[in-house]
Amino acid sequence: MSKYRVEPLAALAPDDGFPQWDAHPLRGGFAARLYPTVAPAHTDCSAQVIGPAGPVVRLRATIGPDEISYWGLPALVTWKPDAEAKHIKSGLAATLDHLTAAAKAGGRSRLVIGSAAQADPDPLAALLADRGAEGLIQASAQVDLTRPEESLRADIRDSYRSLTNWGSRNLSLSFVNAAHPDRAAFNRFPEFHARVAGGRRRGDDYWQVYWTEIVEGRAEMVLGFLPSEDGKDGTLVAGSIVVWAGGTAYYASGVYDRDKFDKPLGHWPLWTAILRAKAAGLRAFDLGESPSRGHADAKEASIAFFKRGFTSGRNFRIRWVLGV
């Protein structure tokens, strides 16, 4: 009998000595709360591996129509950093064996797993490579919030500095957060999102997750207004939501009035969100993935170009695909 057994684990279990368990919204509890509203065909199969010295490896994963992933994102496999190397290696092997067996039993064709792209030896990456997995580098624009504000500002694309200055003079911003949980203001965002997108594409349960993140202190919404021509209430032209987990803030949603794209609507709200995340003590601001050439349409490429303009920093991860 193996010394390593796999047992189910609630996806929203506390970290209990696994620091990577909830270090990023898309690999942690935020995704576990949000993605069931958009990917109901997936079934949670999160688990942990118990070794001779106790829990050693944890897995966040779902069984989807064709693969085991994490709501369509790469599954998270993490281990206790203070565990012995032999227990980590054996625990990871048990995890991959468990996932492979589950995929075969369910008729799924592949596993999709994420790992860090780093110079240091990575036991998970080594095991996946040894088993014939194919790795694809994924890059996201990421701001190192531990740097001084002057350095962050100098890192902005030259043309964007004047655009942020324009926004500071012409846009008024309001915030919805745990200190100011204005539900009426929050409700303007889904309505604005639907108008810009040409129809409501997310249900009430989706937006309720964001509201809960806000009131529980894990997210903030910013709304941007242009002065109206009659001098009364401003016109809503920009909105974004930032969520965070561990020390990382994530730019989860941004919507801007397409009818007014002759004006730089997004630059000042996003730069303000970055500075507010820094002031809150977060260590990194993740602007989201920059798709590789050939894997993005014109709109996605334009969005990625916009995000990259706020930092030269990049975070690299590997998306592994292992056929079973």
Protein backbone atom coordinates (compact mmCIF):
# COMPACT_ATOMS: atom_id res chain seq x y z
CA MET A 1 0.00 0.00 0.00
CA SER A 2 1.28 3.45 -0.90
CA LYS A 3 2.37 5.75 1.91
CA TYR A 4 0.60 8.57 0.05
CA ARG A 5 -3.17 8.74 -0.14
CA VAL A 6 -5.38 11.24 -1.94
CA GLU A 7 -8.50 12.54 -0.25
CA PRO A 8 -11.11 15.12 -1.34
CA LEU A 9 -10.64 18.68 -0.13
CA ALA A 10 -13.02 21.62 -0.26
CA ALA A 11 -11.80 24.17 -2.78
CA LEU A 12 -12.40 26.92 -0.22
CA ALA A 13 -10.48 25.23 2.59
CA PRO A 14 -8.06 27.51 4.52
CA ASP A 15 -4.42 27.50 3.41
CA ASP A 16 -3.10 25.61 6.50
CA GLY A 17 0.58 25.98 5.64
CA PHE A 18 0.22 26.04 1.84
CA PRO A 19 1.12 29.67 0.99
CA GLN A 20 0.37 29.30 -2.73
CA TRP A 21 -3.13 27.95 -2.05
CA ASP A 22 -4.70 31.41 -2.24
CA ALA A 23 -1.84 33.60 -3.48
CA HIS A 24 -3.57 34.73 -6.69
CA PRO A 25 -7.28 35.27 -7.41
CA LEU A 26 -7.33 33.10 -10.55
CA ARG A 27 -5.73 30.17 -8.77
CA GLY A 28 -7.46 30.58 -5.43
CA GLY A 29 -10.76 31.13 -3.71
CA PHE A 30 -11.95 33.93 -6.00
CA ALA A 31 -12.00 31.58 -9.00
CA ALA A 32 -13.70 28.92 -6.87
CA ARG A 33 -16.47 31.39 -6.10
CA LEU A 34 -16.81 33.07 -9.51
CA TYR A 35 -16.23 30.42 -12.14
CA PRO A 36 -19.09 28.07 -11.18
CA THR A 37 -21.37 30.86 -12.41
CA VAL A 38 -19.79 30.84 -15.88
CA ALA A 39 -18.66 27.21 -16.28
CA PRO A 40 -21.44 25.08 -14.74
CA ALA A 41 -20.40 22.04 -16.78
CA HIS A 42 -17.34 21.67 -14.55
CA THR A 43 -17.36 19.64 -11.34
CA ASP A 44 -14.95 20.41 -8.53
CA CYS A 45 -12.45 17.62 -7.77
CA SER A 46 -10.03 19.44 -5.46
CA ALA A 47 -7.98 17.17 -3.22
CA GLN A 48 -4.93 16.86 -1.02
CA VAL A 49 -2.27 14.19 -0.67
CA ILE A 50 -1.48 12.88 2.79
CA GLY A 51 2.02 11.51 3.27
CA PRO A 52 3.87 9.96 6.21
CA ALA A 53 4.26 13.39 7.83
CA GLY A 54 0.75 14.69 7.02
CA PRO A 55 -0.65 16.79 4.15
CA VAL A 56 2.07 17.48 1.60
CA VAL A 57 0.38 18.41 -1.71
CA ARG A 58 -2.83 20.22 -2.53
CA LEU A 59 -4.80 20.32 -5.75
CA ARG A 60 -7.43 22.73 -7.02
CA ALA A 61 -9.07 21.21 -10.09
CA THR A 62 -12.36 20.58 -11.87
CA ILE A 63 -13.58 17.91 -14.24
CA GLY A 64 -14.82 19.59 -17.39
CA PRO A 65 -16.41 18.26 -20.57
CA ASP A 66 -13.09 17.36 -22.21
CA GLU A 67 -10.36 17.83 -19.64
CA ILE A 68 -9.37 18.19 -16.04
CA SER A 69 -8.37 21.79 -15.40
CA TYR A 70 -9.58 24.48 -13.00
CA TRP A 71 -12.77 25.89 -14.53
CA GLY A 72 -10.91 25.98 -17.86
CA LEU A 73 -7.85 27.62 -16.27
CA PRO A 74 -4.74 25.58 -15.47
CA ALA A 75 -5.21 23.47 -12.34
CA LEU A 76 -3.27 24.50 -9.25
CA VAL A 77 -0.89 21.98 -7.71
CA THR A 78 1.02 23.24 -4.69
CA TRP A 79 3.03 21.75 -1.88
CA LYS A 80 4.19 22.60 1.61
CA PRO A 81 7.46 24.50 1.27
CA ASP A 82 8.90 23.02 4.46
CA ALA A 83 8.18 19.39 3.54
CA GLU A 84 11.06 17.04 2.79
CA ALA A 85 12.00 16.90 -0.88
CA LYS A 86 11.30 13.16 -1.09
CA HIS A 87 7.78 13.65 0.29
CA ILE A 88 7.11 16.50 -2.14
CA LYS A 89 8.24 14.44 -5.12
CA SER A 90 6.23 11.39 -4.07
CA GLY A 91 3.19 13.53 -3.24
CA LEU A 92 3.29 15.20 -6.64
CA ALA A 93 3.61 11.84 -8.37
CA ALA A 94 0.58 10.59 -6.43
CA THR A 95 -1.33 13.71 -7.50
CA LEU A 96 -0.58 13.18 -11.19
CA ASP A 97 -1.44 9.49 -10.90
CA HIS A 98 -4.74 10.42 -9.27
CA LEU A 99 -5.59 12.97 -11.96
CA THR A 100 -4.64 10.62 -14.77
CA ALA A 101 -6.84 7.87 -13.34
CA ALA A 102 -9.74 10.30 -12.87
CA ALA A 103 -9.43 11.57 -16.43
CA LYS A 104 -9.36 8.07 -17.89
CA ALA A 105 -12.31 6.96 -15.79
CA GLY A 106 -14.34 9.96 -16.91
CA GLY A 107 -13.37 9.74 -20.55
CA ARG A 108 -11.40 12.99 -20.48
CA SER A 109 -8.49 13.32 -22.85
CA ARG A 110 -6.06 15.55 -21.04
CA LEU A 111 -4.89 17.35 -17.91
CA VAL A 112 -4.22 21.10 -17.92
CA ILE A 113 -1.94 22.18 -15.06
CA GLY A 114 -0.11 25.39 -14.27
CA SER A 115 3.34 25.90 -12.79
CA ALA A 116 5.69 28.78 -12.23
CA ALA A 117 8.28 29.53 -14.89
CA GLN A 118 11.45 30.04 -12.90
CA ALA A 119 15.14 29.37 -12.88
CA ASP A 120 15.03 27.32 -9.67
CA PRO A 121 14.35 23.59 -9.96
CA ASP A 122 10.62 22.87 -9.95
CA PRO A 123 9.70 19.30 -9.00
CA LEU A 124 6.24 19.59 -10.57
CA ALA A 125 7.58 20.85 -13.89
CA ALA A 126 10.17 18.08 -13.89
CA LEU A 127 7.54 15.37 -13.35
CA LEU A 128 5.26 16.80 -16.02
CA ALA A 129 8.09 17.01 -18.53
CA ASP A 130 9.15 13.45 -17.73
CA ARG A 131 5.59 12.26 -18.39
CA GLY A 132 5.55 13.90 -21.81
CA ALA A 133 3.49 17.00 -21.06
CA GLU A 134 3.72 19.95 -23.42
CA GLY A 135 4.42 23.32 -21.85
CA LEU A 136 3.37 26.73 -23.15
CA ILE A 137 4.73 29.92 -21.61
CA GLN A 138 2.03 32.37 -20.53
CA ALA A 139 3.03 35.97 -19.83
CA SER A 140 1.06 38.56 -17.92
CA ALA A 141 1.83 42.23 -17.43
CA GLN A 142 2.58 42.64 -13.73
CA VAL A 143 3.51 45.64 -11.62
CA ASP A 144 5.93 45.18 -8.72
CA LEU A 145 4.18 47.31 -6.09
CA THR A 146 7.13 47.13 -3.71
CA ARG A 147 8.98 49.61 -5.94
CA PRO A 148 8.72 53.37 -5.27
CA GLU A 149 5.88 55.21 -6.98
CA GLU A 150 8.37 57.27 -8.98
CA SER A 151 9.80 54.08 -10.47
CA LEU A 152 6.34 52.76 -11.31
CA ARG A 153 5.44 56.03 -13.01
CA ALA A 154 8.67 56.02 -15.02
CA ASP A 155 7.77 52.52 -16.21
CA ILE A 156 4.57 53.70 -17.91
CA ARG A 157 4.65 53.92 -21.70
CA ASP A 158 5.70 57.46 -22.63
CA SER A 159 2.50 58.26 -24.51
CA TYR A 160 0.39 57.06 -21.58
CA ARG A 161 1.72 59.59 -19.12
CA SER A 162 -0.03 62.47 -20.86
CA LEU A 163 -3.19 60.35 -21.13
CA THR A 164 -3.23 59.66 -17.40
CA ASN A 165 -2.72 63.38 -16.83
CA TRP A 166 -5.70 64.12 -19.08
CA GLY A 167 -7.81 61.71 -17.06
CA SER A 168 -6.78 63.27 -13.76
CA ARG A 169 -8.05 66.62 -15.02
CA ASN A 170 -11.22 65.47 -16.77
CA LEU A 171 -12.55 62.38 -15.02
CA SER A 172 -14.06 62.21 -11.57
CA LEU A 173 -13.68 58.85 -9.83
CA SER A 174 -15.79 57.17 -7.17
CA PHE A 175 -15.02 53.94 -5.34
CA VAL A 176 -17.08 51.08 -4.00
CA ASN A 177 -15.27 49.04 -1.36
CA ALA A 178 -15.68 47.57 2.10
CA ALA A 179 -15.45 51.03 3.66
CA HIS A 180 -18.05 52.39 1.22
CA PRO A 181 -20.32 49.46 0.22
CA ASP A 182 -22.73 51.44 -1.97
CA ARG A 183 -24.93 48.81 -3.61
CA ALA A 184 -26.72 51.34 -5.82
CA ALA A 185 -23.38 52.52 -7.21
CA PHE A 186 -22.26 48.91 -7.64
CA ASN A 187 -25.42 48.07 -9.60
CA ARG A 188 -24.49 50.67 -12.18
CA PHE A 189 -21.54 48.52 -13.27
CA PRO A 190 -23.52 45.46 -14.54
CA GLU A 191 -25.89 47.81 -16.35
CA PHE A 192 -22.99 49.71 -17.90
CA HIS A 193 -21.26 46.43 -18.80
CA ALA A 194 -24.41 45.18 -20.56
CA ARG A 195 -24.80 48.42 -22.52
CA VAL A 196 -21.21 48.43 -23.73
CA ALA A 197 -21.23 44.68 -24.50
CA GLY A 198 -24.51 44.92 -26.42
CA GLY A 199 -26.50 42.83 -23.96
CA ARG A 200 -26.33 41.26 -20.53
CA ARG A 201 -23.94 38.34 -20.70
CA ARG A 202 -23.61 37.49 -17.01
CA GLY A 203 -26.28 36.51 -14.54
CA ASP A 204 -27.07 37.97 -11.15
CA ASP A 205 -25.12 35.17 -9.44
CA TYR A 206 -21.98 36.27 -11.27
CA TRP A 207 -22.27 39.87 -10.11
CA GLN A 208 -23.22 38.78 -6.61
CA VAL A 209 -19.80 37.13 -6.27
CA TYR A 210 -18.12 40.44 -7.04
CA TRP A 211 -20.33 42.24 -4.55
CA THR A 212 -19.44 39.73 -1.86
CA GLU A 213 -15.73 40.15 -2.63
CA ILE A 214 -16.14 43.90 -2.20
CA VAL A 215 -18.05 43.87 1.08
CA GLU A 216 -15.68 41.27 2.55
CA GLY A 217 -12.66 43.42 1.73
CA ARG A 218 -11.18 41.47 -1.17
CA ALA A 219 -12.07 43.80 -4.04
CA GLU A 220 -12.72 47.38 -5.06
CA MET A 221 -14.70 48.96 -7.88
CA VAL A 222 -13.85 52.30 -9.46
CA LEU A 223 -16.31 54.27 -11.59
CA GLY A 224 -15.20 57.13 -13.84
CA PHE A 225 -17.42 60.03 -14.92
CA LEU A 226 -17.14 62.78 -17.50
CA PRO A 227 -18.92 66.06 -16.76
CA SER A 228 -22.31 66.15 -18.45
CA GLU A 229 -23.09 68.90 -20.90
CA ASP A 230 -25.81 70.33 -18.67
CA GLY A 231 -23.42 70.55 -15.74
CA LYS A 232 -25.44 68.13 -13.63
CA ASP A 233 -24.56 64.55 -12.73
CA GLY A 234 -21.56 63.21 -14.60
CA THR A 235 -21.81 60.62 -17.36
CA LEU A 236 -20.52 57.14 -16.49
CA VAL A 237 -17.85 56.29 -19.08
CA ALA A 238 -15.46 53.92 -17.28
CA GLY A 239 -15.57 51.19 -14.70
CA SER A 240 -13.25 48.51 -13.40
CA ILE A 241 -13.04 45.94 -10.64
CA VAL A 242 -9.84 44.84 -8.94
CA VAL A 243 -9.80 41.74 -6.73
CA TRP A 244 -6.96 40.46 -4.59
CA ALA A 245 -5.70 37.41 -2.77
CA GLY A 246 -2.50 36.94 -0.82
CA GLY A 247 -0.35 39.88 -1.86
CA THR A 248 -1.56 40.11 -5.47
CA ALA A 249 -4.20 42.42 -6.93
CA TYR A 250 -5.79 41.31 -10.19
CA TYR A 251 -7.44 43.55 -12.79
CA ALA A 252 -10.56 41.43 -13.10
CA SER A 253 -12.87 43.58 -15.21
CA GLY A 254 -12.65 46.84 -17.12
CA VAL A 255 -15.40 48.48 -19.19
CA TYR A 256 -15.19 51.75 -21.10
CA ASP A 257 -17.75 53.64 -23.19
CA ARG A 258 -16.94 52.80 -26.81
CA ASP A 259 -18.84 55.83 -28.06
CA LYS A 260 -16.26 58.05 -26.39
CA PHE A 261 -13.08 56.26 -27.41
CA ASP A 262 -11.78 59.52 -28.84
CA LYS A 263 -10.92 60.24 -25.19
CA PRO A 264 -8.42 58.25 -23.06
CA LEU A 265 -10.97 56.85 -20.62
CA GLY A 266 -9.08 53.89 -19.20
CA HIS A 267 -5.67 55.23 -18.33
CA TRP A 268 -6.38 57.34 -15.24
CA PRO A 269 -8.79 54.85 -13.57
CA LEU A 270 -6.34 51.97 -14.05
CA TRP A 271 -3.31 53.94 -12.87
CA THR A 272 -5.32 55.04 -9.83
CA ALA A 273 -6.25 51.42 -9.10
CA ILE A 274 -2.57 50.45 -9.24
CA LEU A 275 -1.61 53.19 -6.79
CA ARG A 276 -4.47 52.28 -4.44
CA ALA A 277 -3.36 48.65 -4.43
CA LYS A 278 0.15 49.76 -3.52
CA ALA A 279 -1.19 51.99 -0.74
CA ALA A 280 -3.18 49.03 0.60
CA GLY A 281 0.06 47.07 1.07
CA LEU A 282 -0.31 44.62 -1.81
CA ARG A 283 2.93 43.47 -3.43
CA ALA A 284 1.93 42.93 -7.06
CA PHE A 285 -0.71 44.13 -9.53
CA ASP A 286 -1.50 41.60 -12.25
CA LEU A 287 -3.01 43.21 -15.34
CA GLY A 288 -3.78 39.89 -16.98
CA GLU A 289 -2.36 37.61 -19.63
CA SER A 290 -0.89 38.87 -22.89
CA PRO A 291 -1.90 36.23 -25.47
CA SER A 292 0.82 35.00 -27.77
CA ARG A 293 0.76 35.93 -31.45
CA GLY A 294 -1.67 33.80 -33.38
CA HIS A 295 -3.77 33.09 -30.27
CA ALA A 296 -5.58 36.43 -30.00
CA ASP A 297 -8.03 38.35 -32.16
CA ALA A 298 -7.61 42.06 -32.87
CA LYS A 299 -9.62 43.13 -29.81
CA GLU A 300 -7.66 40.88 -27.46
CA ALA A 301 -4.37 42.09 -28.92
CA SER A 302 -5.45 45.70 -28.42
CA ILE A 303 -6.41 45.06 -24.80
CA ALA A 304 -3.08 43.34 -24.15
CA PHE A 305 -1.22 46.29 -25.69
CA PHE A 306 -3.12 48.68 -23.39
CA LYS A 307 -2.24 46.65 -20.29
CA ARG A 308 1.43 46.34 -21.19
CA GLY A 309 1.67 50.12 -21.35
CA PHE A 310 1.56 50.37 -17.57
CA THR A 311 4.61 48.28 -16.77
CA SER A 312 7.67 46.62 -18.23
CA GLY A 313 7.28 43.87 -15.62
CA ARG A 314 6.17 40.43 -16.68
CA ASN A 315 5.10 37.34 -14.79
CA PHE A 316 5.71 34.05 -16.56
CA ARG A 317 3.96 30.76 -15.93
CA ILE A 318 3.79 27.47 -17.79
CA ARG A 319 0.53 25.95 -18.96
CA TRP A 320 1.12 22.21 -19.15
CA VAL A 321 -1.07 19.88 -21.19
CA LEU A 322 -0.70 16.17 -20.50
CA GLY A 323 -2.58 13.68 -22.65
CA VAL A 324 -4.00 10.66 -20.87
